[in-house]
Amino acid sequence: MTDGKWGYRSVIFSLAAVLIFTAGCGKAQKEREITPFTIAFQEWVGYSLFYLAKDKGFFEEEGIQLIVIDEELDSARRDAFLSGMLDAEAATMDLLISKRAQGTPIVGVMQIDLSVGSDGVIASENIRRIEDLAGKRVILTRKDVGETFLSYVLDEKGMTLDDVIIVPLGPSKIAGAFMEGKGDAAVTWEPELSRALQRPGSHVLVTTKEKPGIIVDMLNVRQDIVRRDPALIKKIIRAWFRALAEYERDPESAARILAPYYGLTPEEFQRQASGLQWPGYKEQADLFKKGEMAQIFNRIAKLKLENRSIDAEVVAEDALNGNILLEVYEDSK
């Protein structure tokens, strides 16, 4: 998630254009009590329910004008947070940890999805076990979720990232480089995972289906907004879960709405979505109540610190806030 199409300047220009438009509609928005809320995320089907909630009018009914910024470059989102020009992001817990280690004032308020097969390690035919990666070239994006996933599966075998030869590339270039033989293995996610498997003799070594709980996506919100206006975050959460209920009620119709956002057919969209889970209200509430969300966070943070992906200790107590979601859940019962 470090190979962006835009950059910080593009985020500023995009938001400036939105603000100009919003100012032009200021009177009407005031009468309707519409609150603009900017969120950035990259092209990943796990985040698609934001589009569904927007298309169905769920955010508008909550009094929210959701402004989606398509931004892959993590440093651009970090700088936009620091400047106060970005309210939230959908991103992996891995990136939440990295930003917190850099002093970015954001907190995770809700789990979005859990990868259960959409992310993984693919390898050439001579690599049959994790141990066979020793001394081999592995293509991945540095300081990103793929690096964390690889370090986790290596750690289970008593190995570290130092035991492999890292070939660093941006996310959009990994599959092509692997197909061209520039590495012996690669760490990526769908749809790039399936694309990379077109290399003759390649196969899936391990995915999040066998190792769930490592790649988790979160809704990360600026800390000052969480403290100042928790009611606003409740509105975002309610709209999200309405979209989830809509998808579960009629996945075929929802897929027809969402597939064009990703250049997919509805069938392709549903196939990619099958590799993830969108946890419901109760499941998320239980994760926070039982401390399991904090355990996942601290496990990933420990790995990243050991791998020198971050240079400061980060703890779940400071970076996660499940209280707002728990209140919404109690209100929904």
C-alpha atoms as a PDB file:
ATOM      1  CA  MET A   1       0.000   0.000   0.000  1.00  0.00           C
ATOM      2  CA  THR A   2       2.911   2.290  -0.603  1.00  0.00           C
ATOM      3  CA  ASP A   3       2.795   2.593  -4.376  1.00  0.00           C
ATOM      4  CA  GLY A   4       0.353   5.479  -4.794  1.00  0.00           C
ATOM      5  CA  LYS A   5      -1.215   6.841  -7.929  1.00  0.00           C
ATOM      6  CA  TRP A   6      -1.496  10.336  -6.568  1.00  0.00           C
ATOM      7  CA  GLY A   7       0.423  11.868  -3.672  1.00  0.00           C
ATOM      8  CA  TYR A   8      -0.140  14.388  -0.933  1.00  0.00           C
ATOM      9  CA  ARG A   9      -0.540  17.279  -3.361  1.00  0.00           C
ATOM     10  CA  SER A  10      -3.293  15.417  -5.212  1.00  0.00           C
ATOM     11  CA  VAL A  11      -5.149  14.823  -1.945  1.00  0.00           C
ATOM     12  CA  ILE A  12      -5.017  18.553  -1.217  1.00  0.00           C
ATOM     13  CA  PHE A  13      -6.246  19.461  -4.703  1.00  0.00           C
ATOM     14  CA  SER A  14      -9.073  16.925  -4.504  1.00  0.00           C
ATOM     15  CA  LEU A  15     -10.211  18.103  -1.116  1.00  0.00           C
ATOM     16  CA  ALA A  16      -9.918  21.731  -2.177  1.00  0.00           C
ATOM     17  CA  ALA A  17     -12.232  21.052  -5.117  1.00  0.00           C
ATOM     18  CA  VAL A  18     -14.700  19.360  -2.788  1.00  0.00           C
ATOM     19  CA  LEU A  19     -14.589  22.271  -0.376  1.00  0.00           C
ATOM     20  CA  ILE A  20     -15.272  24.746  -3.184  1.00  0.00           C
ATOM     21  CA  PHE A  21     -18.281  22.689  -4.255  1.00  0.00           C
ATOM     22  CA  THR A  22     -19.449  22.374  -0.660  1.00  0.00           C
ATOM     23  CA  ALA A  23     -19.169  26.117  -0.140  1.00  0.00           C
ATOM     24  CA  GLY A  24     -21.320  26.707  -3.216  1.00  0.00           C
ATOM     25  CA  CYS A  25     -23.999  24.482  -1.722  1.00  0.00           C
ATOM     26  CA  GLY A  26     -23.503  25.833   1.789  1.00  0.00           C
ATOM     27  CA  LYS A  27     -26.983  27.164   2.369  1.00  0.00           C
ATOM     28  CA  ALA A  28     -28.720  24.018   1.155  1.00  0.00           C
ATOM     29  CA  GLN A  29     -26.415  21.797   3.191  1.00  0.00           C
ATOM     30  CA  LYS A  30     -27.005  23.866   6.306  1.00  0.00           C
ATOM     31  CA  GLU A  31     -30.758  23.498   5.904  1.00  0.00           C
ATOM     32  CA  ARG A  32     -30.379  19.717   5.466  1.00  0.00           C
ATOM     33  CA  GLU A  33     -27.776  19.542   8.264  1.00  0.00           C
ATOM     34  CA  ILE A  34     -25.342  17.626   6.077  1.00  0.00           C
ATOM     35  CA  THR A  35     -21.851  17.118   7.482  1.00  0.00           C
ATOM     36  CA  PRO A  36     -18.984  16.454   5.015  1.00  0.00           C
ATOM     37  CA  PHE A  37     -16.778  13.518   6.025  1.00  0.00           C
ATOM     38  CA  THR A  38     -13.652  12.671   4.029  1.00  0.00           C
ATOM     39  CA  ILE A  39     -12.361   9.110   3.900  1.00  0.00           C
ATOM     40  CA  ALA A  40      -9.439   7.712   1.900  1.00  0.00           C
ATOM     41  CA  PHE A  41      -8.859   4.167   0.787  1.00  0.00           C
ATOM     42  CA  GLN A  42      -7.416   2.210  -2.088  1.00  0.00           C
ATOM     43  CA  GLU A  43      -9.063  -0.184  -4.524  1.00  0.00           C
ATOM     44  CA  TRP A  44      -9.984  -3.169  -2.371  1.00  0.00           C
ATOM     45  CA  VAL A  45     -13.348  -4.946  -2.398  1.00  0.00           C
ATOM     46  CA  GLY A  46     -13.356  -5.151   1.388  1.00  0.00           C
ATOM     47  CA  TYR A  47     -14.059  -1.423   1.506  1.00  0.00           C
ATOM     48  CA  SER A  48     -16.896  -1.602  -1.023  1.00  0.00           C
ATOM     49  CA  LEU A  49     -19.690  -1.337   1.542  1.00  0.00           C
ATOM     50  CA  PHE A  50     -18.844   2.346   1.856  1.00  0.00           C
ATOM     51  CA  TYR A  51     -19.888   2.690  -1.783  1.00  0.00           C
ATOM     52  CA  LEU A  52     -23.018   0.634  -1.177  1.00  0.00           C
ATOM     53  CA  ALA A  53     -24.010   2.765   1.814  1.00  0.00           C
ATOM     54  CA  LYS A  54     -23.421   5.883  -0.252  1.00  0.00           C
ATOM     55  CA  ASP A  55     -25.377   4.645  -3.283  1.00  0.00           C
ATOM     56  CA  LYS A  56     -28.279   3.511  -1.119  1.00  0.00           C
ATOM     57  CA  GLY A  57     -28.440   6.898   0.615  1.00  0.00           C
ATOM     58  CA  PHE A  58     -27.610   5.522   4.062  1.00  0.00           C
ATOM     59  CA  PHE A  59     -24.991   8.194   4.764  1.00  0.00           C
ATOM     60  CA  GLU A  60     -27.277  10.954   3.550  1.00  0.00           C
ATOM     61  CA  GLU A  61     -30.045   9.695   5.838  1.00  0.00           C
ATOM     62  CA  GLU A  62     -27.563   9.979   8.698  1.00  0.00           C
ATOM     63  CA  GLY A  63     -26.785  13.558   7.669  1.00  0.00           C
ATOM     64  CA  ILE A  64     -23.376  12.671   6.214  1.00  0.00           C
ATOM     65  CA  GLN A  65     -21.880  13.695   2.877  1.00  0.00           C
ATOM     66  CA  LEU A  66     -19.267  10.972   2.427  1.00  0.00           C
ATOM     67  CA  ILE A  67     -16.350  12.156   0.313  1.00  0.00           C
ATOM     68  CA  VAL A  68     -14.237   9.237  -0.920  1.00  0.00           C
ATOM     69  CA  ILE A  69     -10.584   9.880  -1.803  1.00  0.00           C
ATOM     70  CA  ASP A  70      -8.938   7.138  -3.866  1.00  0.00           C
ATOM     71  CA  GLU A  71      -5.431   7.277  -2.416  1.00  0.00           C
ATOM     72  CA  GLU A  72      -3.025   4.340  -2.187  1.00  0.00           C
ATOM     73  CA  LEU A  73       0.002   6.289  -0.973  1.00  0.00           C
ATOM     74  CA  ASP A  74       0.136   5.792   2.779  1.00  0.00           C
ATOM     75  CA  SER A  75       2.460   8.734   3.386  1.00  0.00           C
ATOM     76  CA  ALA A  76      -0.015  11.015   1.572  1.00  0.00           C
ATOM     77  CA  ARG A  77      -2.830   9.895   3.866  1.00  0.00           C
ATOM     78  CA  ARG A  78      -0.594  10.353   6.902  1.00  0.00           C
ATOM     79  CA  ASP A  79       0.269  13.924   5.903  1.00  0.00           C
ATOM     80  CA  ALA A  80      -3.371  14.695   5.129  1.00  0.00           C
ATOM     81  CA  PHE A  81      -4.315  13.481   8.619  1.00  0.00           C
ATOM     82  CA  LEU A  82      -1.633  15.647  10.200  1.00  0.00           C
ATOM     83  CA  SER A  83      -2.844  18.715   8.296  1.00  0.00           C
ATOM     84  CA  GLY A  84      -6.460  18.066   9.290  1.00  0.00           C
ATOM     85  CA  MET A  85      -7.587  17.590   5.682  1.00  0.00           C
ATOM     86  CA  LEU A  86      -8.574  13.945   6.078  1.00  0.00           C
ATOM     87  CA  ASP A  87     -11.104  12.640   8.582  1.00  0.00           C
ATOM     88  CA  ALA A  88     -10.708   8.885   8.220  1.00  0.00           C
ATOM     89  CA  GLU A  89      -9.243   6.019   6.242  1.00  0.00           C
ATOM     90  CA  ALA A  90     -10.041   2.409   5.596  1.00  0.00           C
ATOM     91  CA  ALA A  91      -6.739   0.567   5.971  1.00  0.00           C
ATOM     92  CA  THR A  92      -5.125  -2.469   7.508  1.00  0.00           C
ATOM     93  CA  MET A  93      -4.386  -2.632  11.196  1.00  0.00           C
ATOM     94  CA  ASP A  94      -0.791  -2.970  10.054  1.00  0.00           C
ATOM     95  CA  LEU A  95      -0.883   0.558   8.619  1.00  0.00           C
ATOM     96  CA  LEU A  96      -2.667   1.888  11.697  1.00  0.00           C
ATOM     97  CA  ILE A  97       0.275   0.630  13.742  1.00  0.00           C
ATOM     98  CA  SER A  98       2.791   2.211  11.375  1.00  0.00           C
ATOM     99  CA  LYS A  99       1.045   5.586  11.471  1.00  0.00           C
ATOM    100  CA  ARG A 100       0.755   5.530  15.254  1.00  0.00           C
ATOM    101  CA  ALA A 101       4.478   4.757  15.482  1.00  0.00           C
ATOM    102  CA  GLN A 102       5.086   7.865  13.352  1.00  0.00           C
ATOM    103  CA  GLY A 103       2.961  10.004  15.659  1.00  0.00           C
ATOM    104  CA  THR A 104      -0.126  10.231  13.449  1.00  0.00           C
ATOM    105  CA  PRO A 105      -3.100  11.026  15.732  1.00  0.00           C
ATOM    106  CA  ILE A 106      -5.624   8.418  14.554  1.00  0.00           C
ATOM    107  CA  VAL A 107      -7.463   5.595  16.301  1.00  0.00           C
ATOM    108  CA  GLY A 108      -9.156   2.438  15.040  1.00  0.00           C
ATOM    109  CA  VAL A 109     -12.875   2.515  15.885  1.00  0.00           C
ATOM    110  CA  MET A 110     -14.267  -0.440  13.919  1.00  0.00           C
ATOM    111  CA  GLN A 111     -13.108  -3.555  12.126  1.00  0.00           C
ATOM    112  CA  ILE A 112     -14.054  -3.468   8.451  1.00  0.00           C
ATOM    113  CA  ASP A 113     -13.069  -6.878   7.196  1.00  0.00           C
ATOM    114  CA  LEU A 114     -10.919  -9.895   7.866  1.00  0.00           C
ATOM    115  CA  SER A 115      -8.909 -11.562   5.126  1.00  0.00           C
ATOM    116  CA  VAL A 116      -9.636 -15.300   4.916  1.00  0.00           C
ATOM    117  CA  GLY A 117      -7.882 -16.227   1.704  1.00  0.00           C
ATOM    118  CA  SER A 118      -7.569 -12.988  -0.262  1.00  0.00           C
ATOM    119  CA  ASP A 119      -3.936 -12.418   0.796  1.00  0.00           C
ATOM    120  CA  GLY A 120      -1.109 -14.862   0.533  1.00  0.00           C
ATOM    121  CA  VAL A 121       2.329 -16.021  -0.534  1.00  0.00           C
ATOM    122  CA  ILE A 122       2.771 -17.557  -3.983  1.00  0.00           C
ATOM    123  CA  ALA A 123       5.893 -19.414  -4.992  1.00  0.00           C
ATOM    124  CA  SER A 124       7.689 -21.096  -7.861  1.00  0.00           C
ATOM    125  CA  GLU A 125       7.429 -24.867  -8.214  1.00  0.00           C
ATOM    126  CA  ASN A 126      10.680 -25.628  -6.356  1.00  0.00           C
ATOM    127  CA  ILE A 127       9.379 -24.012  -3.143  1.00  0.00           C
ATOM    128  CA  ARG A 128       6.986 -26.398  -1.381  1.00  0.00           C
ATOM    129  CA  ARG A 129       7.331 -25.374   2.274  1.00  0.00           C
ATOM    130  CA  ILE A 130       7.808 -22.110   4.179  1.00  0.00           C
ATOM    131  CA  GLU A 131      11.298 -23.329   5.127  1.00  0.00           C
ATOM    132  CA  ASP A 132      12.189 -23.500   1.413  1.00  0.00           C
ATOM    133  CA  LEU A 133      12.020 -19.690   1.262  1.00  0.00           C
ATOM    134  CA  ALA A 134      15.406 -19.486   3.008  1.00  0.00           C
ATOM    135  CA  GLY A 135      17.848 -17.661   0.724  1.00  0.00           C
ATOM    136  CA  LYS A 136      15.163 -17.110  -1.939  1.00  0.00           C
ATOM    137  CA  ARG A 137      14.029 -13.835  -3.526  1.00  0.00           C
ATOM    138  CA  VAL A 138      10.639 -12.739  -2.228  1.00  0.00           C
ATOM    139  CA  ILE A 139       8.832  -9.830  -3.896  1.00  0.00           C
ATOM    140  CA  LEU A 140       6.773  -7.665  -1.543  1.00  0.00           C
ATOM    141  CA  THR A 141       6.059  -4.114  -0.465  1.00  0.00           C
ATOM    142  CA  ARG A 142       8.258  -3.045   2.427  1.00  0.00           C
ATOM    143  CA  LYS A 143       6.686  -1.899   5.700  1.00  0.00           C
ATOM    144  CA  ASP A 144       3.311  -3.070   4.511  1.00  0.00           C
ATOM    145  CA  VAL A 145       0.796  -5.750   5.414  1.00  0.00           C
ATOM    146  CA  GLY A 146       2.413  -8.320   3.107  1.00  0.00           C
ATOM    147  CA  GLU A 147       5.710  -7.961   4.928  1.00  0.00           C
ATOM    148  CA  THR A 148       3.939  -8.472   8.251  1.00  0.00           C
ATOM    149  CA  PHE A 149       2.114 -11.563   6.984  1.00  0.00           C
ATOM    150  CA  LEU A 150       5.353 -13.073   5.697  1.00  0.00           C
ATOM    151  CA  SER A 151       7.173 -12.297   8.929  1.00  0.00           C
ATOM    152  CA  TYR A 152       4.377 -14.034  10.848  1.00  0.00           C
ATOM    153  CA  VAL A 153       4.524 -17.281   8.857  1.00  0.00           C
ATOM    154  CA  LEU A 154       8.337 -17.231   8.972  1.00  0.00           C
ATOM    155  CA  ASP A 155       8.292 -16.673  12.730  1.00  0.00           C
ATOM    156  CA  GLU A 156       6.182 -19.815  13.153  1.00  0.00           C
ATOM    157  CA  LYS A 157       9.091 -21.750  11.599  1.00  0.00           C
ATOM    158  CA  GLY A 158      11.764 -20.032  13.677  1.00  0.00           C
ATOM    159  CA  MET A 159      12.794 -17.793  10.768  1.00  0.00           C
ATOM    160  CA  THR A 160      12.880 -14.043  10.176  1.00  0.00           C
ATOM    161  CA  LEU A 161      12.862 -11.696   7.200  1.00  0.00           C
ATOM    162  CA  ASP A 162      16.661 -11.782   7.360  1.00  0.00           C
ATOM    163  CA  ASP A 163      16.487 -15.385   6.133  1.00  0.00           C
ATOM    164  CA  VAL A 164      15.063 -14.333   2.758  1.00  0.00           C
ATOM    165  CA  ILE A 165      16.149 -11.886   0.061  1.00  0.00           C
ATOM    166  CA  ILE A 166      13.555  -9.106  -0.115  1.00  0.00           C
ATOM    167  CA  VAL A 167      12.794  -7.663  -3.556  1.00  0.00           C
ATOM    168  CA  PRO A 168      10.911  -4.448  -2.691  1.00  0.00           C
ATOM    169  CA  LEU A 169       8.222  -3.267  -5.097  1.00  0.00           C
ATOM    170  CA  GLY A 170       4.966  -1.339  -4.983  1.00  0.00           C
ATOM    171  CA  PRO A 171       1.738  -3.384  -4.725  1.00  0.00           C
ATOM    172  CA  SER A 172       0.679  -2.883  -8.343  1.00  0.00           C
ATOM    173  CA  LYS A 173       4.022  -4.193  -9.653  1.00  0.00           C
ATOM    174  CA  ILE A 174       4.355  -7.384  -7.615  1.00  0.00           C
ATOM    175  CA  ALA A 175       2.336  -9.763  -9.784  1.00  0.00           C
ATOM    176  CA  GLY A 176       3.995  -8.622 -13.017  1.00  0.00           C
ATOM    177  CA  ALA A 177       7.473  -8.930 -11.539  1.00  0.00           C
ATOM    178  CA  PHE A 178       6.750 -12.446 -10.281  1.00  0.00           C
ATOM    179  CA  MET A 179       5.376 -13.492 -13.667  1.00  0.00           C
ATOM    180  CA  GLU A 180       8.572 -12.180 -15.260  1.00  0.00           C
ATOM    181  CA  GLY A 181      10.685 -14.350 -12.960  1.00  0.00           C
ATOM    182  CA  LYS A 182      12.149 -11.494 -10.926  1.00  0.00           C
ATOM    183  CA  GLY A 183      11.514 -13.388  -7.707  1.00  0.00           C
ATOM    184  CA  ASP A 184      11.090 -16.929  -6.411  1.00  0.00           C
ATOM    185  CA  ALA A 185       8.045 -15.997  -4.362  1.00  0.00           C
ATOM    186  CA  ALA A 186       5.736 -13.032  -3.877  1.00  0.00           C
ATOM    187  CA  VAL A 187       3.357 -11.688  -1.254  1.00  0.00           C
ATOM    188  CA  THR A 188       0.219 -10.000  -2.576  1.00  0.00           C
ATOM    189  CA  TRP A 189      -3.582  -9.959  -2.485  1.00  0.00           C
ATOM    190  CA  GLU A 190      -6.509 -10.406  -4.833  1.00  0.00           C
ATOM    191  CA  PRO A 191      -6.925  -9.799  -7.687  1.00  0.00           C
ATOM    192  CA  GLU A 192      -3.119  -9.660  -8.079  1.00  0.00           C
ATOM    193  CA  LEU A 193      -2.771 -13.016  -6.335  1.00  0.00           C
ATOM    194  CA  SER A 194      -4.732 -14.812  -9.057  1.00  0.00           C
ATOM    195  CA  ARG A 195      -2.945 -12.852 -11.753  1.00  0.00           C
ATOM    196  CA  ALA A 196       0.490 -13.851 -10.459  1.00  0.00           C
ATOM    197  CA  LEU A 197      -0.531 -17.518 -10.537  1.00  0.00           C
ATOM    198  CA  GLN A 198      -0.500 -17.343 -14.319  1.00  0.00           C
ATOM    199  CA  ARG A 199       3.255 -17.930 -14.099  1.00  0.00           C
ATOM    200  CA  PRO A 200       3.830 -21.547 -15.180  1.00  0.00           C
ATOM    201  CA  GLY A 201       4.552 -23.873 -12.278  1.00  0.00           C
ATOM    202  CA  SER A 202       3.582 -21.338  -9.618  1.00  0.00           C
ATOM    203  CA  HIS A 203       1.315 -22.250  -6.716  1.00  0.00           C
ATOM    204  CA  VAL A 204      -0.126 -20.849  -3.498  1.00  0.00           C
ATOM    205  CA  LEU A 205       2.209 -21.509  -0.580  1.00  0.00           C
ATOM    206  CA  VAL A 206       0.010 -20.086   2.191  1.00  0.00           C
ATOM    207  CA  THR A 207      -2.888 -17.646   2.478  1.00  0.00           C
ATOM    208  CA  THR A 208      -4.891 -15.973   5.186  1.00  0.00           C
ATOM    209  CA  LYS A 209      -7.386 -18.818   4.896  1.00  0.00           C
ATOM    210  CA  GLU A 210      -4.887 -20.943   6.822  1.00  0.00           C
ATOM    211  CA  LYS A 211      -3.630 -17.994   8.890  1.00  0.00           C
ATOM    212  CA  PRO A 212      -6.635 -15.783   9.702  1.00  0.00           C
ATOM    213  CA  GLY A 213      -6.450 -12.908  12.155  1.00  0.00           C
ATOM    214  CA  ILE A 214      -3.254 -11.352  10.795  1.00  0.00           C
ATOM    215  CA  ILE A 215      -4.611  -9.174   8.006  1.00  0.00           C
ATOM    216  CA  VAL A 216      -7.437  -7.079   9.416  1.00  0.00           C
ATOM    217  CA  ASP A 217      -8.859  -3.873   7.955  1.00  0.00           C
ATOM    218  CA  MET A 218      -9.964  -1.049  10.220  1.00  0.00           C
ATOM    219  CA  LEU A 219     -11.822   2.242  10.101  1.00  0.00           C
ATOM    220  CA  ASN A 220      -9.227   4.687  11.393  1.00  0.00           C
ATOM    221  CA  VAL A 221     -10.440   8.147  12.408  1.00  0.00           C
ATOM    222  CA  ARG A 222      -8.619  11.305  13.437  1.00  0.00           C
ATOM    223  CA  GLN A 223      -8.320  11.286  17.202  1.00  0.00           C
ATOM    224  CA  ASP A 224      -9.618  14.818  17.687  1.00  0.00           C
ATOM    225  CA  ILE A 225     -12.858  13.933  15.846  1.00  0.00           C
ATOM    226  CA  VAL A 226     -13.355  10.823  17.993  1.00  0.00           C
ATOM    227  CA  ARG A 227     -12.969  12.912  21.140  1.00  0.00           C
ATOM    228  CA  ARG A 228     -14.955  15.929  19.932  1.00  0.00           C
ATOM    229  CA  ASP A 229     -17.818  14.310  18.036  1.00  0.00           C
ATOM    230  CA  PRO A 230     -18.446  10.635  18.848  1.00  0.00           C
ATOM    231  CA  ALA A 231     -22.032  11.070  17.580  1.00  0.00           C
ATOM    232  CA  LEU A 232     -20.603  11.650  14.095  1.00  0.00           C
ATOM    233  CA  ILE A 233     -18.665   8.374  14.250  1.00  0.00           C
ATOM    234  CA  LYS A 234     -21.830   6.590  15.341  1.00  0.00           C
ATOM    235  CA  LYS A 235     -23.535   7.784  12.155  1.00  0.00           C
ATOM    236  CA  ILE A 236     -20.703   6.405  10.018  1.00  0.00           C
ATOM    237  CA  ILE A 237     -20.840   3.071  11.827  1.00  0.00           C
ATOM    238  CA  ARG A 238     -24.626   2.800  11.513  1.00  0.00           C
ATOM    239  CA  ALA A 239     -24.510   3.487   7.771  1.00  0.00           C
ATOM    240  CA  TRP A 240     -21.794   0.840   7.333  1.00  0.00           C
ATOM    241  CA  PHE A 241     -23.785  -1.848   9.127  1.00  0.00           C
ATOM    242  CA  ARG A 242     -26.928  -0.971   7.171  1.00  0.00           C
ATOM    243  CA  ALA A 243     -24.900  -1.585   4.008  1.00  0.00           C
ATOM    244  CA  LEU A 244     -23.666  -4.902   5.412  1.00  0.00           C
ATOM    245  CA  ALA A 245     -27.251  -5.962   6.134  1.00  0.00           C
ATOM    246  CA  GLU A 246     -28.222  -4.946   2.605  1.00  0.00           C
ATOM    247  CA  TYR A 247     -25.407  -7.006   1.108  1.00  0.00           C
ATOM    248  CA  GLU A 248     -26.298 -10.046   3.191  1.00  0.00           C
ATOM    249  CA  ARG A 249     -29.978  -9.698   2.263  1.00  0.00           C
ATOM    250  CA  ASP A 250     -29.355  -9.575  -1.497  1.00  0.00           C
ATOM    251  CA  PRO A 251     -25.685 -10.131  -2.450  1.00  0.00           C
ATOM    252  CA  GLU A 252     -26.429 -10.458  -6.172  1.00  0.00           C
ATOM    253  CA  SER A 253     -28.094  -7.034  -6.401  1.00  0.00           C
ATOM    254  CA  ALA A 254     -25.398  -5.459  -4.226  1.00  0.00           C
ATOM    255  CA  ALA A 255     -22.682  -6.977  -6.416  1.00  0.00           C
ATOM    256  CA  ARG A 256     -24.277  -5.409  -9.491  1.00  0.00           C
ATOM    257  CA  ILE A 257     -23.994  -2.012  -7.819  1.00  0.00           C
ATOM    258  CA  LEU A 258     -20.447  -2.483  -6.544  1.00  0.00           C
ATOM    259  CA  ALA A 259     -18.712  -4.374  -9.367  1.00  0.00           C
ATOM    260  CA  PRO A 260     -18.364  -1.298 -11.675  1.00  0.00           C
ATOM    261  CA  TYR A 261     -16.365   0.525  -8.986  1.00  0.00           C
ATOM    262  CA  TYR A 262     -13.668  -2.129  -9.436  1.00  0.00           C
ATOM    263  CA  GLY A 263     -13.963  -2.841 -13.142  1.00  0.00           C
ATOM    264  CA  LEU A 264     -15.314  -6.310 -12.369  1.00  0.00           C
ATOM    265  CA  THR A 265     -18.337  -8.327 -13.354  1.00  0.00           C
ATOM    266  CA  PRO A 266     -20.793  -9.024 -10.516  1.00  0.00           C
ATOM    267  CA  GLU A 267     -19.629 -12.643 -10.511  1.00  0.00           C
ATOM    268  CA  GLU A 268     -15.974 -11.593 -10.247  1.00  0.00           C
ATOM    269  CA  PHE A 269     -16.832  -9.214  -7.442  1.00  0.00           C
ATOM    270  CA  GLN A 270     -18.584 -11.914  -5.437  1.00  0.00           C
ATOM    271  CA  ARG A 271     -15.694 -14.306  -6.028  1.00  0.00           C
ATOM    272  CA  GLN A 272     -13.200 -11.786  -4.631  1.00  0.00           C
ATOM    273  CA  ALA A 273     -15.505 -10.940  -1.731  1.00  0.00           C
ATOM    274  CA  SER A 274     -15.637 -14.632  -0.824  1.00  0.00           C
ATOM    275  CA  GLY A 275     -12.018 -14.357   0.351  1.00  0.00           C
ATOM    276  CA  LEU A 276     -12.918 -11.973   3.159  1.00  0.00           C
ATOM    277  CA  GLN A 277     -15.361 -11.655   6.039  1.00  0.00           C
ATOM    278  CA  TRP A 278     -17.324  -8.591   7.071  1.00  0.00           C
ATOM    279  CA  PRO A 279     -17.895  -9.098  10.809  1.00  0.00           C
ATOM    280  CA  GLY A 280     -21.303  -8.111  12.128  1.00  0.00           C
ATOM    281  CA  TYR A 281     -22.266  -5.986  15.125  1.00  0.00           C
ATOM    282  CA  LYS A 282     -22.173  -8.761  17.725  1.00  0.00           C
ATOM    283  CA  GLU A 283     -18.954 -10.281  16.439  1.00  0.00           C
ATOM    284  CA  GLN A 284     -17.200  -6.915  16.563  1.00  0.00           C
ATOM    285  CA  ALA A 285     -18.612  -6.081  19.977  1.00  0.00           C
ATOM    286  CA  ASP A 286     -17.340  -9.407  21.302  1.00  0.00           C
ATOM    287  CA  LEU A 287     -13.878  -8.787  19.817  1.00  0.00           C
ATOM    288  CA  PHE A 288     -13.596  -5.501  21.714  1.00  0.00           C
ATOM    289  CA  LYS A 289     -15.224  -6.745  24.916  1.00  0.00           C
ATOM    290  CA  LYS A 290     -13.033  -9.838  25.169  1.00  0.00           C
ATOM    291  CA  GLY A 291      -9.869  -7.936  24.292  1.00  0.00           C
ATOM    292  CA  GLU A 292      -9.253 -10.040  21.178  1.00  0.00           C
ATOM    293  CA  MET A 293      -8.918  -6.958  18.975  1.00  0.00           C
ATOM    294  CA  ALA A 294      -6.217  -5.637  21.292  1.00  0.00           C
ATOM    295  CA  GLN A 295      -4.436  -9.000  21.216  1.00  0.00           C
ATOM    296  CA  ILE A 296      -4.331  -8.960  17.402  1.00  0.00           C
ATOM    297  CA  PHE A 297      -3.048  -5.382  17.442  1.00  0.00           C
ATOM    298  CA  ASN A 298      -0.294  -6.051  19.974  1.00  0.00           C
ATOM    299  CA  ARG A 299       0.818  -9.229  18.168  1.00  0.00           C
ATOM    300  CA  ILE A 300       1.240  -7.346  14.875  1.00  0.00           C
ATOM    301  CA  ALA A 301       2.919  -4.384  16.598  1.00  0.00           C
ATOM    302  CA  LYS A 302       5.418  -6.734  18.238  1.00  0.00           C
ATOM    303  CA  LEU A 303       6.290  -8.326  14.892  1.00  0.00           C
ATOM    304  CA  LYS A 304       6.741  -4.956  13.202  1.00  0.00           C
ATOM    305  CA  LEU A 305       9.012  -3.715  15.984  1.00  0.00           C
ATOM    306  CA  GLU A 306      11.118  -6.885  15.837  1.00  0.00           C
ATOM    307  CA  ASN A 307      11.409  -6.559  12.054  1.00  0.00           C
ATOM    308  CA  ARG A 308      12.391  -2.896  12.356  1.00  0.00           C
ATOM    309  CA  SER A 309       9.354  -1.892  10.297  1.00  0.00           C
ATOM    310  CA  ILE A 310       8.579   0.609  13.049  1.00  0.00           C
ATOM    311  CA  ASP A 311      11.003   2.249  15.432  1.00  0.00           C
ATOM    312  CA  ALA A 312       8.672   3.033  18.325  1.00  0.00           C
ATOM    313  CA  GLU A 313       6.525   0.830  20.539  1.00  0.00           C
ATOM    314  CA  VAL A 314       2.781   1.071  19.923  1.00  0.00           C
ATOM    315  CA  VAL A 315       0.108  -0.424  22.178  1.00  0.00           C
ATOM    316  CA  ALA A 316      -3.559  -1.170  21.561  1.00  0.00           C
ATOM    317  CA  GLU A 317      -4.679   0.792  24.614  1.00  0.00           C
ATOM    318  CA  ASP A 318      -3.686   4.038  22.873  1.00  0.00           C
ATOM    319  CA  ALA A 319      -4.623   3.152  19.296  1.00  0.00           C
ATOM    320  CA  LEU A 320      -8.003   1.400  19.557  1.00  0.00           C
ATOM    321  CA  ASN A 321     -11.324   2.794  20.732  1.00  0.00           C
ATOM    322  CA  GLY A 322     -14.184   0.315  20.690  1.00  0.00           C
ATOM    323  CA  ASN A 323     -16.462   2.292  23.017  1.00  0.00           C
ATOM    324  CA  ILE A 324     -18.367   4.045  20.221  1.00  0.00           C
ATOM    325  CA  LEU A 325     -19.076   0.796  18.380  1.00  0.00           C
ATOM    326  CA  LEU A 326     -20.198  -0.859  21.623  1.00  0.00           C
ATOM    327  CA  GLU A 327     -22.638   1.991  22.247  1.00  0.00           C
ATOM    328  CA  VAL A 328     -24.053   1.678  18.722  1.00  0.00           C
ATOM    329  CA  TYR A 329     -24.388  -2.076  19.206  1.00  0.00           C
ATOM    330  CA  GLU A 330     -26.262  -1.640  22.498  1.00  0.00           C
ATOM    331  CA  ASP A 331     -28.565   0.913  20.860  1.00  0.00           C
ATOM    332  CA  SER A 332     -29.323  -1.535  18.024  1.00  0.00           C
ATOM    333  CA  LYS A 333     -30.469  -4.366  20.303  1.00  0.00           C
END
